[in-house]
């Protein structure tokens, strides 16, 4: 999201295209990496999609974040760097929500690992 935001806000910069291309590939690789994170997380939770306590809180945040990240990466893959300025603004807004969700999920995941 960082490089996409740089490309969005610095659209008149000569580095605009480089920021956009970097953001594109990082979004694609991030979504692919999330597949491994989901698989390993499910394996650690003994294949429980819900759970109780901290695990439930973690999963209530992880699943929407995962869906948003995969959905945004798919959209980005399909349109490439051909988005309108408004479309990119919506994309960045939804990506910010996904980042917030995954950050909160990471907090609860850390609490699970630390046994609190």
PDB file of N, CA and C in Angstrom:
ATOM      1  N   UNK A   1       0.817  -1.190   0.000  1.00  0.00           N
ATOM      2  CA  UNK A   1       0.000   0.000   0.000  1.00  0.00           C
ATOM      3  C   UNK A   1       0.863   1.256   0.000  1.00  0.00           C
ATOM      4  N   UNK A   2       2.025   1.180   0.657  1.00  0.00           N
ATOM      5  CA  UNK A   2       2.896   2.342   0.774  1.00  0.00           C
ATOM      6  C   UNK A   2       3.291   2.878  -0.603  1.00  0.00           C
ATOM      7  N   UNK A   3       3.740   1.996  -1.496  1.00  0.00           N
ATOM      8  CA  UNK A   3       4.177   2.463  -2.810  1.00  0.00           C
ATOM      9  C   UNK A   3       3.010   2.893  -3.686  1.00  0.00           C
ATOM     10  N   UNK A   4       1.874   2.236  -3.533  1.00  0.00           N
ATOM     11  CA  UNK A   4       0.684   2.690  -4.257  1.00  0.00           C
ATOM     12  C   UNK A   4       0.261   4.076  -3.793  1.00  0.00           C
ATOM     13  N   UNK A   5       0.344   4.321  -2.490  1.00  0.00           N
ATOM     14  CA  UNK A   5      -0.002   5.639  -1.960  1.00  0.00           C
ATOM     15  C   UNK A   5       0.983   6.698  -2.458  1.00  0.00           C
ATOM     16  N   UNK A   6       2.269   6.348  -2.502  1.00  0.00           N
ATOM     17  CA  UNK A   6       3.254   7.299  -3.047  1.00  0.00           C
ATOM     18  C   UNK A   6       2.927   7.631  -4.499  1.00  0.00           C
ATOM     19  N   UNK A   7       2.613   6.607  -5.277  1.00  0.00           N
ATOM     20  CA  UNK A   7       2.251   6.832  -6.676  1.00  0.00           C
ATOM     21  C   UNK A   7       0.994   7.673  -6.815  1.00  0.00           C
ATOM     22  N   UNK A   8       0.049   7.483  -5.901  1.00  0.00           N
ATOM     23  CA  UNK A   8      -1.202   8.225  -5.937  1.00  0.00           C
ATOM     24  C   UNK A   8      -0.984   9.695  -5.600  1.00  0.00           C
ATOM     25  N   UNK A   9      -0.255   9.947  -4.513  1.00  0.00           N
ATOM     26  CA  UNK A   9      -0.071  11.329  -4.068  1.00  0.00           C
ATOM     27  C   UNK A   9       1.008  12.081  -4.828  1.00  0.00           C
ATOM     28  N   UNK A  10       1.925  11.373  -5.435  1.00  0.00           N
ATOM     29  CA  UNK A  10       2.993  12.012  -6.210  1.00  0.00           C
ATOM     30  C   UNK A  10       2.803  11.744  -7.703  1.00  0.00           C
ATOM     31  N   UNK A  11       1.558  11.885  -8.174  1.00  0.00           N
ATOM     32  CA  UNK A  11       1.251  11.547  -9.558  1.00  0.00           C
ATOM     33  C   UNK A  11       1.965  12.427 -10.579  1.00  0.00           C
ATOM     34  N   UNK A  12       2.465  13.568 -10.174  1.00  0.00           N
ATOM     35  CA  UNK A  12       3.197  14.418 -11.113  1.00  0.00           C
ATOM     36  C   UNK A  12       4.712  14.194 -11.014  1.00  0.00           C
ATOM     37  N   UNK A  13       5.129  13.305 -10.133  1.00  0.00           N
ATOM     38  CA  UNK A  13       6.547  13.017  -9.950  1.00  0.00           C
ATOM     39  C   UNK A  13       7.064  12.124 -11.083  1.00  0.00           C
ATOM     40  N   UNK A  14       8.330  12.300 -11.457  1.00  0.00           N
ATOM     41  CA  UNK A  14       8.903  11.401 -12.473  1.00  0.00           C
ATOM     42  C   UNK A  14       8.990   9.948 -11.984  1.00  0.00           C
ATOM     43  N   UNK A  15       8.927   9.740 -10.680  1.00  0.00           N
ATOM     44  CA  UNK A  15       8.994   8.395 -10.099  1.00  0.00           C
ATOM     45  C   UNK A  15       7.613   7.740  -9.984  1.00  0.00           C
ATOM     46  N   UNK A  16       6.569   8.423 -10.417  1.00  0.00           N
ATOM     47  CA  UNK A  16       5.194   7.929 -10.291  1.00  0.00           C
ATOM     48  C   UNK A  16       5.054   6.509 -10.844  1.00  0.00           C
ATOM     49  N   UNK A  17       5.527   6.285 -12.034  1.00  0.00           N
ATOM     50  CA  UNK A  17       5.389   4.954 -12.665  1.00  0.00           C
ATOM     51  C   UNK A  17       6.129   3.889 -11.864  1.00  0.00           C
ATOM     52  N   UNK A  18       7.315   4.212 -11.379  1.00  0.00           N
ATOM     53  CA  UNK A  18       8.084   3.241 -10.592  1.00  0.00           C
ATOM     54  C   UNK A  18       7.358   2.885  -9.296  1.00  0.00           C
ATOM     55  N   UNK A  19       6.774   3.881  -8.635  1.00  0.00           N
ATOM     56  CA  UNK A  19       6.009   3.617  -7.425  1.00  0.00           C
ATOM     57  C   UNK A  19       4.810   2.712  -7.728  1.00  0.00           C
ATOM     58  N   UNK A  20       4.111   2.987  -8.814  1.00  0.00           N
ATOM     59  CA  UNK A  20       2.936   2.204  -9.183  1.00  0.00           C
ATOM     60  C   UNK A  20       3.297   0.762  -9.515  1.00  0.00           C
ATOM     61  N   UNK A  21       4.362   0.578 -10.256  1.00  0.00           N
ATOM     62  CA  UNK A  21       4.795  -0.783 -10.621  1.00  0.00           C
ATOM     63  C   UNK A  21       5.238  -1.548  -9.375  1.00  0.00           C
ATOM     64  N   UNK A  22       5.973  -0.889  -8.500  1.00  0.00           N
ATOM     65  CA  UNK A  22       6.404  -1.536  -7.250  1.00  0.00           C
ATOM     66  C   UNK A  22       5.190  -1.901  -6.404  1.00  0.00           C
ATOM     67  N   UNK A  23       4.228  -0.992  -6.278  1.00  0.00           N
ATOM     68  CA  UNK A  23       3.006  -1.267  -5.524  1.00  0.00           C
ATOM     69  C   UNK A  23       2.218  -2.415  -6.125  1.00  0.00           C
ATOM     70  N   UNK A  24       2.166  -2.470  -7.443  1.00  0.00           N
ATOM     71  CA  UNK A  24       1.461  -3.547  -8.132  1.00  0.00           C
ATOM     72  C   UNK A  24       2.056  -4.904  -7.755  1.00  0.00           C
ATOM     73  N   UNK A  25       3.361  -5.043  -7.913  1.00  0.00           N
ATOM     74  CA  UNK A  25       3.999  -6.337  -7.647  1.00  0.00           C
ATOM     75  C   UNK A  25       3.968  -6.702  -6.171  1.00  0.00           C
ATOM     76  N   UNK A  26       4.113  -5.731  -5.298  1.00  0.00           N
ATOM     77  CA  UNK A  26       4.044  -6.036  -3.869  1.00  0.00           C
ATOM     78  C   UNK A  26       2.641  -6.468  -3.458  1.00  0.00           C
ATOM     79  N   UNK A  27       1.628  -5.909  -4.089  1.00  0.00           N
ATOM     80  CA  UNK A  27       0.251  -6.333  -3.820  1.00  0.00           C
ATOM     81  C   UNK A  27       0.037  -7.776  -4.278  1.00  0.00           C
ATOM     82  N   UNK A  28       0.516  -8.106  -5.466  1.00  0.00           N
ATOM     83  CA  UNK A  28       0.379  -9.465  -5.991  1.00  0.00           C
ATOM     84  C   UNK A  28       1.130 -10.459  -5.106  1.00  0.00           C
ATOM     85  N   UNK A  29       2.392 -10.149  -4.794  1.00  0.00           N
ATOM     86  CA  UNK A  29       3.192 -11.057  -3.953  1.00  0.00           C
ATOM     87  C   UNK A  29       2.626 -11.156  -2.536  1.00  0.00           C
ATOM     88  N   UNK A  30       2.096 -10.055  -2.013  1.00  0.00           N
ATOM     89  CA  UNK A  30       1.481 -10.080  -0.690  1.00  0.00           C
ATOM     90  C   UNK A  30       0.261 -10.997  -0.651  1.00  0.00           C
ATOM     91  N   UNK A  31      -0.553 -10.943  -1.694  1.00  0.00           N
ATOM     92  CA  UNK A  31      -1.732 -11.818  -1.754  1.00  0.00           C
ATOM     93  C   UNK A  31      -1.307 -13.275  -1.875  1.00  0.00           C
ATOM     94  N   UNK A  32      -0.299 -13.543  -2.683  1.00  0.00           N
ATOM     95  CA  UNK A  32       0.198 -14.920  -2.796  1.00  0.00           C
ATOM     96  C   UNK A  32       0.776 -15.398  -1.469  1.00  0.00           C
ATOM     97  N   UNK A  33       1.496 -14.532  -0.784  1.00  0.00           N
ATOM     98  CA  UNK A  33       2.053 -14.874   0.522  1.00  0.00           C
ATOM     99  C   UNK A  33       0.979 -15.106   1.568  1.00  0.00           C
ATOM    100  N   UNK A  34      -0.146 -14.414   1.420  1.00  0.00           N
ATOM    101  CA  UNK A  34      -1.231 -14.600   2.386  1.00  0.00           C
ATOM    102  C   UNK A  34      -1.806 -16.006   2.310  1.00  0.00           C
ATOM    103  N   UNK A  35      -1.710 -16.644   1.157  1.00  0.00           N
ATOM    104  CA  UNK A  35      -2.186 -18.024   1.035  1.00  0.00           C
ATOM    105  C   UNK A  35      -1.378 -18.947   1.946  1.00  0.00           C
ATOM    106  N   UNK A  36      -0.068 -18.763   1.958  1.00  0.00           N
ATOM    107  CA  UNK A  36       0.791 -19.547   2.851  1.00  0.00           C
ATOM    108  C   UNK A  36       0.530 -19.227   4.308  1.00  0.00           C
ATOM    109  N   UNK A  37       0.277 -17.968   4.611  1.00  0.00           N
ATOM    110  CA  UNK A  37      -0.007 -17.575   5.992  1.00  0.00           C
ATOM    111  C   UNK A  37      -1.310 -18.210   6.475  1.00  0.00           C
ATOM    112  N   UNK A  38      -2.319 -18.235   5.621  1.00  0.00           N
ATOM    113  CA  UNK A  38      -3.595 -18.858   5.995  1.00  0.00           C
ATOM    114  C   UNK A  38      -3.404 -20.355   6.204  1.00  0.00           C
ATOM    115  N   UNK A  39      -2.700 -21.005   5.303  1.00  0.00           N
ATOM    116  CA  UNK A  39      -2.461 -22.445   5.427  1.00  0.00           C
ATOM    117  C   UNK A  39      -1.718 -22.770   6.719  1.00  0.00           C
ATOM    118  N   UNK A  40      -0.641 -22.047   6.997  1.00  0.00           N
ATOM    119  CA  UNK A  40       0.130 -22.331   8.214  1.00  0.00           C
ATOM    120  C   UNK A  40      -0.665 -21.974   9.468  1.00  0.00           C
ATOM    121  N   UNK A  41      -1.460 -20.907   9.419  1.00  0.00           N
ATOM    122  CA  UNK A  41      -2.286 -20.535  10.558  1.00  0.00           C
ATOM    123  C   UNK A  41      -3.350 -21.577  10.857  1.00  0.00           C
ATOM    124  N   UNK A  42      -3.970 -22.089   9.797  1.00  0.00           N
ATOM    125  CA  UNK A  42      -4.957 -23.144   9.993  1.00  0.00           C
ATOM    126  C   UNK A  42      -4.308 -24.408  10.549  1.00  0.00           C
ATOM    127  N   UNK A  43      -3.121 -24.723  10.075  1.00  0.00           N
ATOM    128  CA  UNK A  43      -2.412 -25.901  10.585  1.00  0.00           C
ATOM    129  C   UNK A  43      -2.095 -25.723  12.076  1.00  0.00           C
ATOM    130  N   UNK A  44      -1.653 -24.532  12.465  1.00  0.00           N
ATOM    131  CA  UNK A  44      -1.349 -24.271  13.875  1.00  0.00           C
ATOM    132  C   UNK A  44      -2.595 -24.320  14.757  1.00  0.00           C
ATOM    133  N   UNK A  45      -3.731 -23.921  14.200  1.00  0.00           N
ATOM    134  CA  UNK A  45      -4.972 -23.929  14.976  1.00  0.00           C
ATOM    135  C   UNK A  45      -5.715 -25.258  14.859  1.00  0.00           C
ATOM    136  N   UNK A  46      -5.023 -26.255  14.333  1.00  0.00           N
ATOM    137  CA  UNK A  46      -5.601 -27.603  14.169  1.00  0.00           C
ATOM    138  C   UNK A  46      -6.842 -27.569  13.292  1.00  0.00           C
ATOM    139  N   UNK A  47      -6.782 -26.739  12.241  1.00  0.00           N
ATOM    140  CA  UNK A  47      -7.791 -26.637  11.197  1.00  0.00           C
ATOM    141  C   UNK A  47      -9.121 -26.083  11.699  1.00  0.00           C
ATOM    142  N   UNK A  48      -9.051 -25.295  12.779  1.00  0.00           N
ATOM    143  CA  UNK A  48     -10.261 -24.630  13.278  1.00  0.00           C
ATOM    144  C   UNK A  48     -10.392 -23.278  12.583  1.00  0.00           C
ATOM    145  N   UNK A  49     -11.513 -23.078  11.934  1.00  0.00           N
ATOM    146  CA  UNK A  49     -11.740 -21.808  11.244  1.00  0.00           C
ATOM    147  C   UNK A  49     -12.213 -20.739  12.212  1.00  0.00           C
ATOM    148  N   UNK A  50     -12.880 -21.125  13.271  1.00  0.00           N
ATOM    149  CA  UNK A  50     -13.382 -20.177  14.271  1.00  0.00           C
ATOM    150  C   UNK A  50     -12.547 -20.216  15.529  1.00  0.00           C
ATOM    151  N   UNK A  51     -12.946 -21.045  16.461  1.00  0.00           N
ATOM    152  CA  UNK A  51     -12.232 -21.151  17.722  1.00  0.00           C
ATOM    153  C   UNK A  51     -12.933 -20.375  18.823  1.00  0.00           C
ATOM    154  N   UNK A  52     -12.228 -20.197  19.929  1.00  0.00           N
ATOM    155  CA  UNK A  52     -12.766 -19.444  21.061  1.00  0.00           C
ATOM    156  C   UNK A  52     -11.705 -18.472  21.561  1.00  0.00           C
ATOM    157  N   UNK A  53     -12.120 -17.530  22.366  1.00  0.00           N
ATOM    158  CA  UNK A  53     -11.191 -16.592  22.993  1.00  0.00           C
ATOM    159  C   UNK A  53     -10.379 -15.795  21.992  1.00  0.00           C
ATOM    160  N   UNK A  54      -9.068 -15.754  22.233  1.00  0.00           N
ATOM    161  CA  UNK A  54      -8.175 -14.979  21.367  1.00  0.00           C
ATOM    162  C   UNK A  54      -8.129 -15.524  19.948  1.00  0.00           C
ATOM    163  N   UNK A  55      -8.227 -16.832  19.804  1.00  0.00           N
ATOM    164  CA  UNK A  55      -8.226 -17.422  18.461  1.00  0.00           C
ATOM    165  C   UNK A  55      -9.437 -16.951  17.663  1.00  0.00           C
ATOM    166  N   UNK A  56     -10.583 -16.893  18.315  1.00  0.00           N
ATOM    167  CA  UNK A  56     -11.787 -16.403  17.634  1.00  0.00           C
ATOM    168  C   UNK A  56     -11.612 -14.938  17.232  1.00  0.00           C
ATOM    169  N   UNK A  57     -11.094 -14.132  18.129  1.00  0.00           N
ATOM    170  CA  UNK A  57     -10.857 -12.707  17.792  1.00  0.00           C
ATOM    171  C   UNK A  57      -9.902 -12.586  16.626  1.00  0.00           C
ATOM    172  N   UNK A  58      -8.845 -13.382  16.662  1.00  0.00           N
ATOM    173  CA  UNK A  58      -7.857 -13.375  15.573  1.00  0.00           C
ATOM    174  C   UNK A  58      -8.537 -13.737  14.249  1.00  0.00           C
ATOM    175  N   UNK A  59      -9.318 -14.804  14.250  1.00  0.00           N
ATOM    176  CA  UNK A  59      -9.955 -15.252  13.014  1.00  0.00           C
ATOM    177  C   UNK A  59     -11.043 -14.300  12.536  1.00  0.00           C
ATOM    178  N   UNK A  60     -11.736 -13.641  13.453  1.00  0.00           N
ATOM    179  CA  UNK A  60     -12.750 -12.669  13.035  1.00  0.00           C
ATOM    180  C   UNK A  60     -12.142 -11.476  12.298  1.00  0.00           C
ATOM    181  N   UNK A  61     -10.872 -11.233  12.518  1.00  0.00           N
ATOM    182  CA  UNK A  61     -10.170 -10.152  11.823  1.00  0.00           C
ATOM    183  C   UNK A  61      -9.408 -10.658  10.600  1.00  0.00           C
ATOM    184  N   UNK A  62      -8.845 -11.859  10.712  1.00  0.00           N
ATOM    185  CA  UNK A  62      -8.024 -12.403   9.628  1.00  0.00           C
ATOM    186  C   UNK A  62      -8.840 -12.706   8.382  1.00  0.00           C
ATOM    187  N   UNK A  63      -9.997 -13.330   8.552  1.00  0.00           N
ATOM    188  CA  UNK A  63     -10.760 -13.751   7.369  1.00  0.00           C
ATOM    189  C   UNK A  63     -11.231 -12.581   6.516  1.00  0.00           C
ATOM    190  N   UNK A  64     -11.784 -11.511   7.100  1.00  0.00           N
ATOM    191  CA  UNK A  64     -12.129 -10.364   6.245  1.00  0.00           C
ATOM    192  C   UNK A  64     -10.892  -9.718   5.611  1.00  0.00           C
ATOM    193  N   UNK A  65      -9.798  -9.637   6.365  1.00  0.00           N
ATOM    194  CA  UNK A  65      -8.571  -9.056   5.810  1.00  0.00           C
ATOM    195  C   UNK A  65      -8.065  -9.893   4.648  1.00  0.00           C
ATOM    196  N   UNK A  66      -8.071 -11.199   4.813  1.00  0.00           N
ATOM    197  CA  UNK A  66      -7.631 -12.107   3.752  1.00  0.00           C
ATOM    198  C   UNK A  66      -8.491 -11.931   2.501  1.00  0.00           C
ATOM    199  N   UNK A  67      -9.803 -11.887   2.688  1.00  0.00           N
ATOM    200  CA  UNK A  67     -10.702 -11.707   1.548  1.00  0.00           C
ATOM    201  C   UNK A  67     -10.448 -10.372   0.845  1.00  0.00           C
ATOM    202  N   UNK A  68     -10.260  -9.311   1.614  1.00  0.00           N
ATOM    203  CA  UNK A  68      -9.993  -8.000   1.009  1.00  0.00           C
ATOM    204  C   UNK A  68      -8.672  -7.995   0.251  1.00  0.00           C
ATOM    205  N   UNK A  69      -7.637  -8.567   0.847  1.00  0.00           N
ATOM    206  CA  UNK A  69      -6.316  -8.570   0.203  1.00  0.00           C
ATOM    207  C   UNK A  69      -6.349  -9.360  -1.096  1.00  0.00           C
ATOM    208  N   UNK A  70      -6.945 -10.541  -1.070  1.00  0.00           N
ATOM    209  CA  UNK A  70      -7.029 -11.351  -2.293  1.00  0.00           C
ATOM    210  C   UNK A  70      -7.907 -10.655  -3.329  1.00  0.00           C
ATOM    211  N   UNK A  71      -9.020 -10.074  -2.879  1.00  0.00           N
ATOM    212  CA  UNK A  71      -9.898  -9.356  -3.807  1.00  0.00           C
ATOM    213  C   UNK A  71      -9.222  -8.148  -4.434  1.00  0.00           C
ATOM    214  N   UNK A  72      -8.510  -7.378  -3.625  1.00  0.00           N
ATOM    215  CA  UNK A  72      -7.809  -6.199  -4.150  1.00  0.00           C
ATOM    216  C   UNK A  72      -6.688  -6.593  -5.097  1.00  0.00           C
ATOM    217  N   UNK A  73      -5.968  -7.650  -4.754  1.00  0.00           N
ATOM    218  CA  UNK A  73      -4.884  -8.105  -5.636  1.00  0.00           C
ATOM    219  C   UNK A  73      -5.449  -8.618  -6.964  1.00  0.00           C
ATOM    220  N   UNK A  74      -6.575  -9.296  -6.898  1.00  0.00           N
ATOM    221  CA  UNK A  74      -7.212  -9.782  -8.126  1.00  0.00           C
ATOM    222  C   UNK A  74      -7.651  -8.603  -8.992  1.00  0.00           C
ATOM    223  N   UNK A  75      -8.285  -7.619  -8.368  1.00  0.00           N
ATOM    224  CA  UNK A  75      -8.697  -6.420  -9.107  1.00  0.00           C
ATOM    225  C   UNK A  75      -7.482  -5.738  -9.724  1.00  0.00           C
ATOM    226  N   UNK A  76      -6.433  -5.610  -8.920  1.00  0.00           N
ATOM    227  CA  UNK A  76      -5.222  -4.941  -9.402  1.00  0.00           C
ATOM    228  C   UNK A  76      -4.588  -5.714 -10.542  1.00  0.00           C
ATOM    229  N   UNK A  77      -4.597  -7.044 -10.447  1.00  0.00           N
ATOM    230  CA  UNK A  77      -4.049  -7.884 -11.509  1.00  0.00           C
ATOM    231  C   UNK A  77      -4.839  -7.700 -12.802  1.00  0.00           C
ATOM    232  N   UNK A  78      -6.155  -7.652 -12.685  1.00  0.00           N
ATOM    233  CA  UNK A  78      -6.999  -7.545 -13.870  1.00  0.00           C
ATOM    234  C   UNK A  78      -6.907  -6.190 -14.553  1.00  0.00           C
ATOM    235  N   UNK A  79      -6.764  -5.112 -13.784  1.00  0.00           N
ATOM    236  CA  UNK A  79      -6.724  -3.792 -14.416  1.00  0.00           C
ATOM    237  C   UNK A  79      -5.311  -3.270 -14.598  1.00  0.00           C
ATOM    238  N   UNK A  80      -4.331  -3.893 -13.937  1.00  0.00           N
ATOM    239  CA  UNK A  80      -2.945  -3.428 -14.045  1.00  0.00           C
ATOM    240  C   UNK A  80      -2.810  -2.023 -13.507  1.00  0.00           C
ATOM    241  N   UNK A  81      -2.129  -1.174 -14.232  1.00  0.00           N
ATOM    242  CA  UNK A  81      -1.950   0.221 -13.820  1.00  0.00           C
ATOM    243  C   UNK A  81      -2.866   1.153 -14.616  1.00  0.00           C
ATOM    244  N   UNK A  82      -4.006   0.625 -15.070  1.00  0.00           N
ATOM    245  CA  UNK A  82      -4.927   1.393 -15.897  1.00  0.00           C
ATOM    246  C   UNK A  82      -6.094   1.981 -15.111  1.00  0.00           C
ATOM    247  N   UNK A  83      -5.986   2.065 -13.806  1.00  0.00           N
ATOM    248  CA  UNK A  83      -7.074   2.573 -12.971  1.00  0.00           C
ATOM    249  C   UNK A  83      -7.214   4.091 -13.101  1.00  0.00           C
ATOM    250  N   UNK A  84      -8.430   4.552 -12.888  1.00  0.00           N
ATOM    251  CA  UNK A  84      -8.662   5.992 -12.817  1.00  0.00           C
ATOM    252  C   UNK A  84      -8.155   6.493 -11.461  1.00  0.00           C
ATOM    253  N   UNK A  85      -8.035   7.785 -11.336  1.00  0.00           N
ATOM    254  CA  UNK A  85      -7.595   8.373 -10.071  1.00  0.00           C
ATOM    255  C   UNK A  85      -8.604   8.055  -8.965  1.00  0.00           C
ATOM    256  N   UNK A  86      -9.891   8.112  -9.286  1.00  0.00           N
ATOM    257  CA  UNK A  86     -10.940   7.791  -8.314  1.00  0.00           C
ATOM    258  C   UNK A  86     -10.900   6.309  -7.938  1.00  0.00           C
ATOM    259  N   UNK A  87     -10.694   5.442  -8.927  1.00  0.00           N
ATOM    260  CA  UNK A  87     -10.606   4.014  -8.662  1.00  0.00           C
ATOM    261  C   UNK A  87      -9.440   3.685  -7.750  1.00  0.00           C
ATOM    262  N   UNK A  88      -8.327   4.343  -7.975  1.00  0.00           N
ATOM    263  CA  UNK A  88      -7.155   4.121  -7.125  1.00  0.00           C
ATOM    264  C   UNK A  88      -7.396   4.655  -5.711  1.00  0.00           C
ATOM    265  N   UNK A  89      -8.133   5.743  -5.588  1.00  0.00           N
ATOM    266  CA  UNK A  89      -8.460   6.276  -4.260  1.00  0.00           C
ATOM    267  C   UNK A  89      -9.330   5.285  -3.486  1.00  0.00           C
ATOM    268  N   UNK A  90     -10.292   4.679  -4.149  1.00  0.00           N
ATOM    269  CA  UNK A  90     -11.138   3.671  -3.500  1.00  0.00           C
ATOM    270  C   UNK A  90     -10.298   2.455  -3.131  1.00  0.00           C
ATOM    271  N   UNK A  91      -9.449   2.022  -4.047  1.00  0.00           N
ATOM    272  CA  UNK A  91      -8.544   0.894  -3.805  1.00  0.00           C
ATOM    273  C   UNK A  91      -7.682   1.150  -2.566  1.00  0.00           C
ATOM    274  N   UNK A  92      -7.102   2.338  -2.465  1.00  0.00           N
ATOM    275  CA  UNK A  92      -6.250   2.670  -1.320  1.00  0.00           C
ATOM    276  C   UNK A  92      -7.052   2.716  -0.021  1.00  0.00           C
ATOM    277  N   UNK A  93      -8.281   3.196  -0.077  1.00  0.00           N
ATOM    278  CA  UNK A  93      -9.128   3.238   1.114  1.00  0.00           C
ATOM    279  C   UNK A  93      -9.440   1.832   1.614  1.00  0.00           C
ATOM    280  N   UNK A  94      -9.796   0.950   0.700  1.00  0.00           N
ATOM    281  CA  UNK A  94     -10.100  -0.429   1.089  1.00  0.00           C
ATOM    282  C   UNK A  94      -8.827  -1.138   1.558  1.00  0.00           C
ATOM    283  N   UNK A  95      -7.705  -0.850   0.920  1.00  0.00           N
ATOM    284  CA  UNK A  95      -6.436  -1.452   1.342  1.00  0.00           C
ATOM    285  C   UNK A  95      -6.056  -0.972   2.744  1.00  0.00           C
ATOM    286  N   UNK A  96      -6.350   0.270   3.068  1.00  0.00           N
ATOM    287  CA  UNK A  96      -6.077   0.776   4.425  1.00  0.00           C
ATOM    288  C   UNK A  96      -6.910   0.016   5.454  1.00  0.00           C
ATOM    289  N   UNK A  97      -8.148  -0.286   5.107  1.00  0.00           N
ATOM    290  CA  UNK A  97      -8.998  -1.083   6.000  1.00  0.00           C
ATOM    291  C   UNK A  97      -8.401  -2.476   6.173  1.00  0.00           C
ATOM    292  N   UNK A  98      -7.967  -3.085   5.072  1.00  0.00           N
ATOM    293  CA  UNK A  98      -7.354  -4.420   5.138  1.00  0.00           C
ATOM    294  C   UNK A  98      -6.089  -4.397   5.997  1.00  0.00           C
ATOM    295  N   UNK A  99      -5.295  -3.347   5.867  1.00  0.00           N
ATOM    296  CA  UNK A  99      -4.075  -3.223   6.678  1.00  0.00           C
ATOM    297  C   UNK A  99      -4.422  -3.094   8.165  1.00  0.00           C
ATOM    298  N   UNK A 100      -5.451  -2.333   8.472  1.00  0.00           N
ATOM    299  CA  UNK A 100      -5.883  -2.203   9.863  1.00  0.00           C
ATOM    300  C   UNK A 100      -6.371  -3.523  10.426  1.00  0.00           C
ATOM    301  N   UNK A 101      -7.149  -4.249   9.633  1.00  0.00           N
ATOM    302  CA  UNK A 101      -7.648  -5.552  10.081  1.00  0.00           C
ATOM    303  C   UNK A 101      -6.510  -6.539  10.317  1.00  0.00           C
ATOM    304  N   UNK A 102      -5.554  -6.574   9.403  1.00  0.00           N
ATOM    305  CA  UNK A 102      -4.470  -7.541   9.537  1.00  0.00           C
ATOM    306  C   UNK A 102      -3.538  -7.155  10.686  1.00  0.00           C
ATOM    307  N   UNK A 103      -3.414  -5.865  10.951  1.00  0.00           N
ATOM    308  CA  UNK A 103      -2.618  -5.419  12.104  1.00  0.00           C
ATOM    309  C   UNK A 103      -3.262  -5.851  13.413  1.00  0.00           C
ATOM    310  N   UNK A 104      -4.573  -5.659  13.519  1.00  0.00           N
ATOM    311  CA  UNK A 104      -5.287  -6.081  14.729  1.00  0.00           C
ATOM    312  C   UNK A 104      -5.246  -7.599  14.874  1.00  0.00           C
ATOM    313  N   UNK A 105      -5.379  -8.315  13.763  1.00  0.00           N
ATOM    314  CA  UNK A 105      -5.293  -9.780  13.804  1.00  0.00           C
ATOM    315  C   UNK A 105      -3.907 -10.220  14.248  1.00  0.00           C
ATOM    316  N   UNK A 106      -2.888  -9.519  13.798  1.00  0.00           N
ATOM    317  CA  UNK A 106      -1.519  -9.819  14.224  1.00  0.00           C
ATOM    318  C   UNK A 106      -1.328  -9.611  15.716  1.00  0.00           C
ATOM    319  N   UNK A 107      -1.987  -8.596  16.264  1.00  0.00           N
ATOM    320  CA  UNK A 107      -1.914  -8.363  17.699  1.00  0.00           C
ATOM    321  C   UNK A 107      -2.472  -9.567  18.454  1.00  0.00           C
ATOM    322  N   UNK A 108      -3.674 -10.006  18.062  1.00  0.00           N
ATOM    323  CA  UNK A 108      -4.281 -11.148  18.751  1.00  0.00           C
ATOM    324  C   UNK A 108      -3.493 -12.437  18.501  1.00  0.00           C
ATOM    325  N   UNK A 109      -2.916 -12.574  17.305  1.00  0.00           N
ATOM    326  CA  UNK A 109      -2.064 -13.726  17.046  1.00  0.00           C
ATOM    327  C   UNK A 109      -0.835 -13.736  17.948  1.00  0.00           C
ATOM    328  N   UNK A 110      -0.276 -12.579  18.167  1.00  0.00           N
ATOM    329  CA  UNK A 110       0.866 -12.463  19.092  1.00  0.00           C
ATOM    330  C   UNK A 110       0.475 -12.794  20.513  1.00  0.00           C
ATOM    331  N   UNK A 111      -0.718 -12.346  20.909  1.00  0.00           N
ATOM    332  CA  UNK A 111      -1.211 -12.667  22.262  1.00  0.00           C
ATOM    333  C   UNK A 111      -1.394 -14.175  22.424  1.00  0.00           C
ATOM    334  N   UNK A 112      -1.849 -14.840  21.359  1.00  0.00           N
ATOM    335  CA  UNK A 112      -2.001 -16.299  21.420  1.00  0.00           C
ATOM    336  C   UNK A 112      -0.643 -16.952  21.617  1.00  0.00           C
ATOM    337  N   UNK A 113       0.340 -16.527  20.826  1.00  0.00           N
ATOM    338  CA  UNK A 113       1.681 -17.125  20.915  1.00  0.00           C
ATOM    339  C   UNK A 113       2.355 -16.855  22.248  1.00  0.00           C
ATOM    340  N   UNK A 114       2.089 -15.685  22.817  1.00  0.00           N
ATOM    341  CA  UNK A 114       2.713 -15.344  24.107  1.00  0.00           C
ATOM    342  C   UNK A 114       1.941 -15.945  25.278  1.00  0.00           C
ATOM    343  N   UNK A 115       0.787 -16.523  24.995  1.00  0.00           N
ATOM    344  CA  UNK A 115       0.012 -17.190  26.028  1.00  0.00           C
ATOM    345  C   UNK A 115      -0.644 -16.270  27.027  1.00  0.00           C
ATOM    346  N   UNK A 116      -1.077 -15.112  26.578  1.00  0.00           N
ATOM    347  CA  UNK A 116      -1.705 -14.151  27.514  1.00  0.00           C
ATOM    348  C   UNK A 116      -3.186 -14.268  27.511  1.00  0.00           C
TER     349      UNK A 116
END
